[in-house]
Amino acid sequence: MKESLGRYITRISKYINYYINKRANNFNLNIKQVHILKTLYTNEGINQEELTDMFKSDKVTISKLLNGLVKEGYVEKKKNENDKRVKNLYVTKKGENIKKEINDILKSTTKILASDFTEKENVVIRELLDRMLENIYEEVNSE
């Protein structure tokens, strides 16, 4: 009997997590913190609530991950000028200094996953994965 599609995706995800965590550990980071940093590189100044929504996660989890990034000196929280209850998130100089390495970790993951794909296969798999993502996104957001 063939494995379900979900099982394949879970197995691939497990190995991706292991690969990225192993490399991110050099910076005292984990995969979730890598993805938060990557998000902050392109969304400078967003607040914790916005980040929580983007990651479809809970406030406690995001708070713990951010506290680790702050403790390591990669991210800083600054009070919002218009609403003192809100803290905006900014990548520090130390965080900017590892931007290339973070991007390299993520790029190498993609390169490994598709290392023996033809260009056509690469296009097809991305189209199929986009459709799968769209399908689950619509289902989750219709609830």
N, C-alpha and C. Protein backbone atom coordinates (compact mmCIF):
# COMPACT_ATOMS: atom_id res chain seq x y z
N MET A 1 0.84 -1.19 0.00
CA MET A 1 0.00 0.00 0.00
C MET A 1 0.88 1.26 0.00
N LYS A 2 0.53 2.20 -0.85
CA LYS A 2 1.29 3.44 -0.94
C LYS A 2 1.00 4.32 0.28
N GLU A 3 2.04 5.07 0.67
CA GLU A 3 1.87 6.01 1.79
C GLU A 3 0.97 7.16 1.36
N SER A 4 0.27 7.71 2.32
CA SER A 4 -0.58 8.86 2.01
C SER A 4 0.30 10.07 1.69
N LEU A 5 -0.27 11.00 0.99
CA LEU A 5 0.43 12.23 0.63
C LEU A 5 0.87 12.98 1.89
N GLY A 6 -0.01 13.01 2.87
CA GLY A 6 0.32 13.67 4.14
C GLY A 6 1.52 13.05 4.82
N ARG A 7 1.62 11.74 4.75
CA ARG A 7 2.75 11.04 5.38
C ARG A 7 4.06 11.41 4.67
N TYR A 8 4.04 11.46 3.34
CA TYR A 8 5.23 11.88 2.59
C TYR A 8 5.66 13.29 2.99
N ILE A 9 4.68 14.18 3.03
CA ILE A 9 4.98 15.57 3.38
C ILE A 9 5.54 15.66 4.79
N THR A 10 4.98 14.90 5.71
CA THR A 10 5.47 14.88 7.09
C THR A 10 6.91 14.38 7.15
N ARG A 11 7.21 13.33 6.42
CA ARG A 11 8.57 12.78 6.42
C ARG A 11 9.57 13.78 5.83
N ILE A 12 9.20 14.40 4.72
CA ILE A 12 10.08 15.40 4.10
C ILE A 12 10.29 16.56 5.07
N SER A 13 9.22 17.01 5.69
CA SER A 13 9.30 18.11 6.65
C SER A 13 10.23 17.77 7.82
N LYS A 14 10.17 16.54 8.29
CA LYS A 14 11.02 16.10 9.40
C LYS A 14 12.50 16.23 9.02
N TYR A 15 12.84 15.79 7.83
CA TYR A 15 14.24 15.86 7.38
C TYR A 15 14.68 17.30 7.11
N ILE A 16 13.78 18.11 6.58
CA ILE A 16 14.10 19.52 6.37
C ILE A 16 14.37 20.18 7.72
N ASN A 17 13.51 19.92 8.69
CA ASN A 17 13.70 20.48 10.04
C ASN A 17 15.05 20.07 10.61
N TYR A 18 15.39 18.80 10.47
CA TYR A 18 16.66 18.31 11.00
C TYR A 18 17.83 19.03 10.31
N TYR A 19 17.78 19.11 9.00
CA TYR A 19 18.85 19.74 8.22
C TYR A 19 19.04 21.21 8.61
N ILE A 20 17.95 21.95 8.65
CA ILE A 20 18.04 23.38 8.97
C ILE A 20 18.45 23.58 10.43
N ASN A 21 17.86 22.82 11.34
CA ASN A 21 18.23 22.94 12.76
C ASN A 21 19.72 22.69 12.98
N LYS A 22 20.24 21.69 12.29
CA LYS A 22 21.66 21.35 12.43
C LYS A 22 22.54 22.53 12.03
N ARG A 23 22.20 23.20 10.94
CA ARG A 23 22.99 24.33 10.47
C ARG A 23 22.73 25.61 11.28
N ALA A 24 21.48 25.80 11.67
CA ALA A 24 21.12 26.99 12.43
C ALA A 24 21.70 26.96 13.84
N ASN A 25 21.97 25.77 14.33
CA ASN A 25 22.54 25.61 15.66
C ASN A 25 23.89 26.34 15.79
N ASN A 26 24.60 26.51 14.68
CA ASN A 26 25.86 27.26 14.68
C ASN A 26 25.66 28.70 15.16
N PHE A 27 24.42 29.19 15.06
CA PHE A 27 24.10 30.56 15.46
C PHE A 27 23.19 30.58 16.70
N ASN A 28 23.08 29.42 17.37
CA ASN A 28 22.18 29.25 18.52
C ASN A 28 20.73 29.54 18.15
N LEU A 29 20.34 29.10 16.97
CA LEU A 29 18.98 29.28 16.48
C LEU A 29 18.36 27.93 16.15
N ASN A 30 17.03 27.91 16.06
CA ASN A 30 16.34 26.74 15.56
C ASN A 30 15.58 27.13 14.29
N ILE A 31 14.97 26.16 13.65
CA ILE A 31 14.31 26.41 12.36
C ILE A 31 13.24 27.49 12.45
N LYS A 32 12.47 27.49 13.53
CA LYS A 32 11.41 28.49 13.65
C LYS A 32 11.99 29.89 13.79
N GLN A 33 13.08 30.01 14.51
CA GLN A 33 13.73 31.31 14.65
C GLN A 33 14.35 31.76 13.33
N VAL A 34 14.87 30.82 12.56
CA VAL A 34 15.40 31.13 11.23
C VAL A 34 14.29 31.72 10.37
N HIS A 35 13.11 31.10 10.40
CA HIS A 35 12.00 31.59 9.59
C HIS A 35 11.50 32.95 10.09
N ILE A 36 11.54 33.17 11.40
CA ILE A 36 11.16 34.49 11.92
C ILE A 36 12.15 35.54 11.44
N LEU A 37 13.44 35.25 11.55
CA LEU A 37 14.46 36.19 11.08
C LEU A 37 14.26 36.50 9.60
N LYS A 38 14.06 35.46 8.80
CA LYS A 38 13.86 35.62 7.36
C LYS A 38 12.65 36.54 7.11
N THR A 39 11.61 36.37 7.89
CA THR A 39 10.42 37.20 7.76
C THR A 39 10.71 38.65 8.15
N LEU A 40 11.47 38.83 9.23
CA LEU A 40 11.79 40.19 9.69
C LEU A 40 12.74 40.91 8.74
N TYR A 41 13.55 40.16 8.00
CA TYR A 41 14.44 40.80 7.02
C TYR A 41 13.62 41.57 5.97
N THR A 42 12.45 41.05 5.66
CA THR A 42 11.63 41.67 4.62
C THR A 42 10.40 42.40 5.17
N ASN A 43 10.17 42.31 6.47
CA ASN A 43 9.02 42.97 7.09
C ASN A 43 9.44 43.73 8.35
N GLU A 44 10.47 44.52 8.20
CA GLU A 44 11.04 45.27 9.32
C GLU A 44 9.98 46.13 10.00
N GLY A 45 9.91 46.05 11.32
CA GLY A 45 9.01 46.91 12.08
C GLY A 45 7.63 46.34 12.35
N ILE A 46 7.36 45.11 11.87
CA ILE A 46 6.06 44.53 12.20
C ILE A 46 6.01 44.25 13.70
N ASN A 47 4.81 44.05 14.21
CA ASN A 47 4.70 43.77 15.64
C ASN A 47 4.47 42.27 15.87
N GLN A 48 4.49 41.89 17.13
CA GLN A 48 4.39 40.48 17.49
C GLN A 48 3.06 39.87 17.05
N GLU A 49 1.99 40.63 17.15
CA GLU A 49 0.68 40.13 16.75
C GLU A 49 0.64 39.84 15.25
N GLU A 50 1.21 40.73 14.47
CA GLU A 50 1.27 40.52 13.02
C GLU A 50 2.10 39.29 12.68
N LEU A 51 3.20 39.12 13.39
CA LEU A 51 4.06 37.95 13.18
C LEU A 51 3.31 36.66 13.54
N THR A 52 2.56 36.70 14.63
CA THR A 52 1.77 35.55 15.06
C THR A 52 0.76 35.18 13.99
N ASP A 53 0.10 36.17 13.41
CA ASP A 53 -0.87 35.92 12.33
C ASP A 53 -0.19 35.34 11.10
N MET A 54 0.97 35.88 10.75
CA MET A 54 1.70 35.41 9.56
C MET A 54 2.09 33.94 9.70
N PHE A 55 2.45 33.52 10.91
CA PHE A 55 2.91 32.16 11.15
C PHE A 55 1.79 31.21 11.55
N LYS A 56 0.57 31.73 11.65
CA LYS A 56 -0.56 30.90 12.07
C LYS A 56 -0.19 30.13 13.34
N SER A 57 0.35 30.85 14.29
CA SER A 57 0.83 30.25 15.53
C SER A 57 0.13 30.92 16.70
N ASP A 58 0.51 30.50 17.91
CA ASP A 58 -0.07 31.13 19.09
C ASP A 58 0.91 32.15 19.66
N LYS A 59 0.38 33.06 20.46
CA LYS A 59 1.18 34.17 21.00
C LYS A 59 2.32 33.68 21.88
N VAL A 60 2.07 32.65 22.68
CA VAL A 60 3.09 32.14 23.61
C VAL A 60 4.28 31.59 22.85
N THR A 61 4.02 30.80 21.82
CA THR A 61 5.10 30.20 21.02
C THR A 61 5.95 31.29 20.37
N ILE A 62 5.30 32.24 19.73
CA ILE A 62 6.02 33.33 19.05
C ILE A 62 6.80 34.15 20.07
N SER A 63 6.20 34.40 21.23
CA SER A 63 6.87 35.16 22.28
C SER A 63 8.15 34.48 22.74
N LYS A 64 8.09 33.17 22.95
CA LYS A 64 9.28 32.42 23.37
C LYS A 64 10.37 32.45 22.30
N LEU A 65 9.97 32.27 21.05
CA LEU A 65 10.94 32.30 19.95
C LEU A 65 11.58 33.68 19.83
N LEU A 66 10.77 34.72 19.95
CA LEU A 66 11.30 36.09 19.87
C LEU A 66 12.22 36.40 21.05
N ASN A 67 11.85 35.94 22.24
CA ASN A 67 12.70 36.17 23.41
C ASN A 67 14.07 35.55 23.21
N GLY A 68 14.11 34.37 22.57
CA GLY A 68 15.39 33.74 22.26
C GLY A 68 16.20 34.56 21.27
N LEU A 69 15.53 35.12 20.28
CA LEU A 69 16.21 35.97 19.29
C LEU A 69 16.72 37.26 19.92
N VAL A 70 15.94 37.81 20.84
CA VAL A 70 16.37 39.02 21.56
C VAL A 70 17.56 38.69 22.45
N LYS A 71 17.47 37.58 23.17
CA LYS A 71 18.54 37.17 24.08
C LYS A 71 19.86 36.97 23.32
N GLU A 72 19.78 36.41 22.13
CA GLU A 72 20.98 36.18 21.30
C GLU A 72 21.46 37.46 20.63
N GLY A 73 20.64 38.51 20.68
CA GLY A 73 21.04 39.79 20.11
C GLY A 73 20.73 39.96 18.63
N TYR A 74 19.86 39.09 18.08
CA TYR A 74 19.53 39.16 16.66
C TYR A 74 18.35 40.09 16.37
N VAL A 75 17.49 40.29 17.37
CA VAL A 75 16.27 41.08 17.19
C VAL A 75 16.11 42.00 18.40
N GLU A 76 15.52 43.16 18.15
CA GLU A 76 15.18 44.05 19.26
C GLU A 76 13.72 44.47 19.13
N LYS A 77 13.11 44.72 20.29
CA LYS A 77 11.73 45.19 20.35
C LYS A 77 11.76 46.66 20.74
N LYS A 78 11.02 47.47 19.98
CA LYS A 78 10.93 48.91 20.28
C LYS A 78 9.46 49.29 20.43
N LYS A 79 9.18 50.13 21.41
CA LYS A 79 7.81 50.58 21.62
C LYS A 79 7.33 51.37 20.41
N ASN A 80 6.09 51.09 20.02
CA ASN A 80 5.46 51.79 18.92
C ASN A 80 5.16 53.22 19.36
N GLU A 81 5.50 54.18 18.53
CA GLU A 81 5.31 55.60 18.88
C GLU A 81 3.84 55.97 19.03
N ASN A 82 2.96 55.29 18.28
CA ASN A 82 1.53 55.62 18.32
C ASN A 82 0.76 54.85 19.38
N ASP A 83 1.28 53.69 19.77
CA ASP A 83 0.61 52.85 20.77
C ASP A 83 1.68 52.20 21.64
N LYS A 84 1.86 52.73 22.81
CA LYS A 84 2.94 52.28 23.71
C LYS A 84 2.77 50.82 24.16
N ARG A 85 1.58 50.25 23.98
CA ARG A 85 1.37 48.84 24.35
C ARG A 85 1.97 47.89 23.31
N VAL A 86 2.18 48.40 22.12
CA VAL A 86 2.67 47.59 21.00
C VAL A 86 4.18 47.75 20.87
N LYS A 87 4.85 46.62 20.63
CA LYS A 87 6.30 46.66 20.38
C LYS A 87 6.56 46.19 18.96
N ASN A 88 7.30 47.00 18.23
CA ASN A 88 7.68 46.64 16.87
C ASN A 88 9.01 45.89 16.90
N LEU A 89 9.19 45.02 15.91
CA LEU A 89 10.35 44.12 15.87
C LEU A 89 11.33 44.56 14.78
N TYR A 90 12.60 44.61 15.17
CA TYR A 90 13.65 45.03 14.25
C TYR A 90 14.84 44.09 14.35
N VAL A 91 15.43 43.81 13.20
CA VAL A 91 16.66 43.01 13.16
C VAL A 91 17.81 43.92 13.57
N THR A 92 18.66 43.42 14.47
CA THR A 92 19.83 44.19 14.92
C THR A 92 20.97 44.05 13.91
N LYS A 93 22.04 44.77 14.17
CA LYS A 93 23.24 44.65 13.33
C LYS A 93 23.75 43.21 13.35
N LYS A 94 23.74 42.59 14.53
CA LYS A 94 24.17 41.19 14.65
C LYS A 94 23.27 40.29 13.80
N GLY A 95 21.98 40.57 13.79
CA GLY A 95 21.05 39.80 12.97
C GLY A 95 21.29 40.02 11.49
N GLU A 96 21.59 41.25 11.12
CA GLU A 96 21.90 41.56 9.72
C GLU A 96 23.20 40.88 9.29
N ASN A 97 24.14 40.76 10.22
CA ASN A 97 25.43 40.15 9.90
C ASN A 97 25.33 38.67 9.54
N ILE A 98 24.24 38.01 9.93
CA ILE A 98 24.09 36.58 9.58
C ILE A 98 23.05 36.37 8.47
N LYS A 99 22.59 37.46 7.88
CA LYS A 99 21.55 37.37 6.84
C LYS A 99 21.98 36.46 5.69
N LYS A 100 23.20 36.61 5.22
CA LYS A 100 23.69 35.79 4.11
C LYS A 100 23.69 34.31 4.51
N GLU A 101 24.17 34.01 5.70
CA GLU A 101 24.22 32.61 6.16
C GLU A 101 22.81 32.03 6.30
N ILE A 102 21.88 32.83 6.80
CA ILE A 102 20.49 32.37 6.94
C ILE A 102 19.92 32.07 5.56
N ASN A 103 20.11 33.00 4.62
CA ASN A 103 19.62 32.78 3.26
C ASN A 103 20.29 31.56 2.62
N ASP A 104 21.58 31.38 2.87
CA ASP A 104 22.30 30.22 2.32
C ASP A 104 21.76 28.91 2.86
N ILE A 105 21.43 28.88 4.15
CA ILE A 105 20.85 27.67 4.75
C ILE A 105 19.56 27.31 4.02
N LEU A 106 18.70 28.29 3.83
CA LEU A 106 17.41 28.04 3.19
C LEU A 106 17.56 27.69 1.71
N LYS A 107 18.47 28.38 1.02
CA LYS A 107 18.70 28.07 -0.40
C LYS A 107 19.28 26.67 -0.58
N SER A 108 20.20 26.29 0.30
CA SER A 108 20.81 24.96 0.17
C SER A 108 19.78 23.87 0.41
N THR A 109 18.81 24.13 1.27
CA THR A 109 17.74 23.16 1.51
C THR A 109 16.96 22.93 0.23
N THR A 110 16.58 24.01 -0.43
CA THR A 110 15.84 23.91 -1.69
C THR A 110 16.67 23.20 -2.75
N LYS A 111 17.94 23.55 -2.81
CA LYS A 111 18.84 22.94 -3.80
C LYS A 111 18.94 21.42 -3.59
N ILE A 112 19.06 21.01 -2.34
CA ILE A 112 19.16 19.58 -2.03
C ILE A 112 17.86 18.86 -2.40
N LEU A 113 16.73 19.45 -2.05
CA LEU A 113 15.44 18.81 -2.32
C LEU A 113 15.23 18.54 -3.81
N ALA A 114 15.69 19.46 -4.64
CA ALA A 114 15.45 19.35 -6.08
C ALA A 114 16.73 19.05 -6.86
N SER A 115 17.71 18.47 -6.20
CA SER A 115 19.04 18.30 -6.80
C SER A 115 19.04 17.47 -8.08
N ASP A 116 18.15 16.52 -8.20
CA ASP A 116 18.15 15.69 -9.42
C ASP A 116 16.90 15.91 -10.27
N PHE A 117 16.22 17.03 -10.06
CA PHE A 117 15.04 17.36 -10.86
C PHE A 117 15.47 18.04 -12.15
N THR A 118 14.76 17.75 -13.21
CA THR A 118 14.93 18.54 -14.43
C THR A 118 14.23 19.88 -14.21
N GLU A 119 14.48 20.82 -15.10
CA GLU A 119 13.82 22.12 -14.98
C GLU A 119 12.30 21.95 -15.06
N LYS A 120 11.86 21.08 -15.95
CA LYS A 120 10.43 20.84 -16.10
C LYS A 120 9.84 20.24 -14.82
N GLU A 121 10.53 19.27 -14.24
CA GLU A 121 10.05 18.66 -12.99
C GLU A 121 10.00 19.69 -11.86
N ASN A 122 10.98 20.56 -11.84
CA ASN A 122 11.02 21.62 -10.83
C ASN A 122 9.79 22.53 -10.95
N VAL A 123 9.45 22.89 -12.18
CA VAL A 123 8.28 23.74 -12.41
C VAL A 123 7.00 23.00 -12.01
N VAL A 124 6.89 21.74 -12.41
CA VAL A 124 5.69 20.96 -12.12
C VAL A 124 5.50 20.78 -10.61
N ILE A 125 6.57 20.40 -9.90
CA ILE A 125 6.43 20.17 -8.46
C ILE A 125 6.03 21.46 -7.74
N ARG A 126 6.58 22.59 -8.17
CA ARG A 126 6.21 23.88 -7.55
C ARG A 126 4.75 24.21 -7.82
N GLU A 127 4.29 23.94 -9.03
CA GLU A 127 2.88 24.20 -9.35
C GLU A 127 1.97 23.32 -8.50
N LEU A 128 2.33 22.06 -8.36
CA LEU A 128 1.52 21.14 -7.56
C LEU A 128 1.53 21.53 -6.08
N LEU A 129 2.69 21.88 -5.58
CA LEU A 129 2.78 22.30 -4.17
C LEU A 129 2.01 23.59 -3.94
N ASP A 130 2.05 24.51 -4.90
CA ASP A 130 1.26 25.75 -4.78
C ASP A 130 -0.23 25.43 -4.70
N ARG A 131 -0.68 24.50 -5.53
CA ARG A 131 -2.10 24.11 -5.51
C ARG A 131 -2.46 23.45 -4.19
N MET A 132 -1.57 22.59 -3.69
CA MET A 132 -1.83 21.94 -2.40
C MET A 132 -1.92 22.98 -1.29
N LEU A 133 -1.01 23.94 -1.31
CA LEU A 133 -1.02 25.00 -0.31
C LEU A 133 -2.31 25.81 -0.39
N GLU A 134 -2.70 26.14 -1.60
CA GLU A 134 -3.93 26.89 -1.80
C GLU A 134 -5.14 26.11 -1.29
N ASN A 135 -5.17 24.81 -1.58
CA ASN A 135 -6.28 23.97 -1.13
C ASN A 135 -6.40 23.95 0.39
N ILE A 136 -5.30 23.72 1.08
CA ILE A 136 -5.35 23.64 2.54
C ILE A 136 -5.60 25.02 3.13
N TYR A 137 -5.05 26.07 2.51
CA TYR A 137 -5.26 27.44 2.99
C TYR A 137 -6.75 27.79 2.93
N GLU A 138 -7.39 27.47 1.80
CA GLU A 138 -8.82 27.76 1.65
C GLU A 138 -9.64 26.99 2.69
N GLU A 139 -9.28 25.74 2.92
CA GLU A 139 -10.01 24.92 3.89
C GLU A 139 -9.86 25.49 5.30
N VAL A 140 -8.65 25.84 5.67
CA VAL A 140 -8.39 26.37 7.01
C VAL A 140 -9.09 27.71 7.22
N ASN A 141 -9.08 28.55 6.21
CA ASN A 141 -9.67 29.88 6.35
C ASN A 141 -11.18 29.91 6.15
N SER A 142 -11.78 28.79 5.75
CA SER A 142 -13.24 28.74 5.59
C SER A 142 -13.92 28.33 6.89
N GLU A 143 -13.13 27.92 7.87
CA GLU A 143 -13.71 27.46 9.15
C GLU A 143 -14.14 28.61 10.01
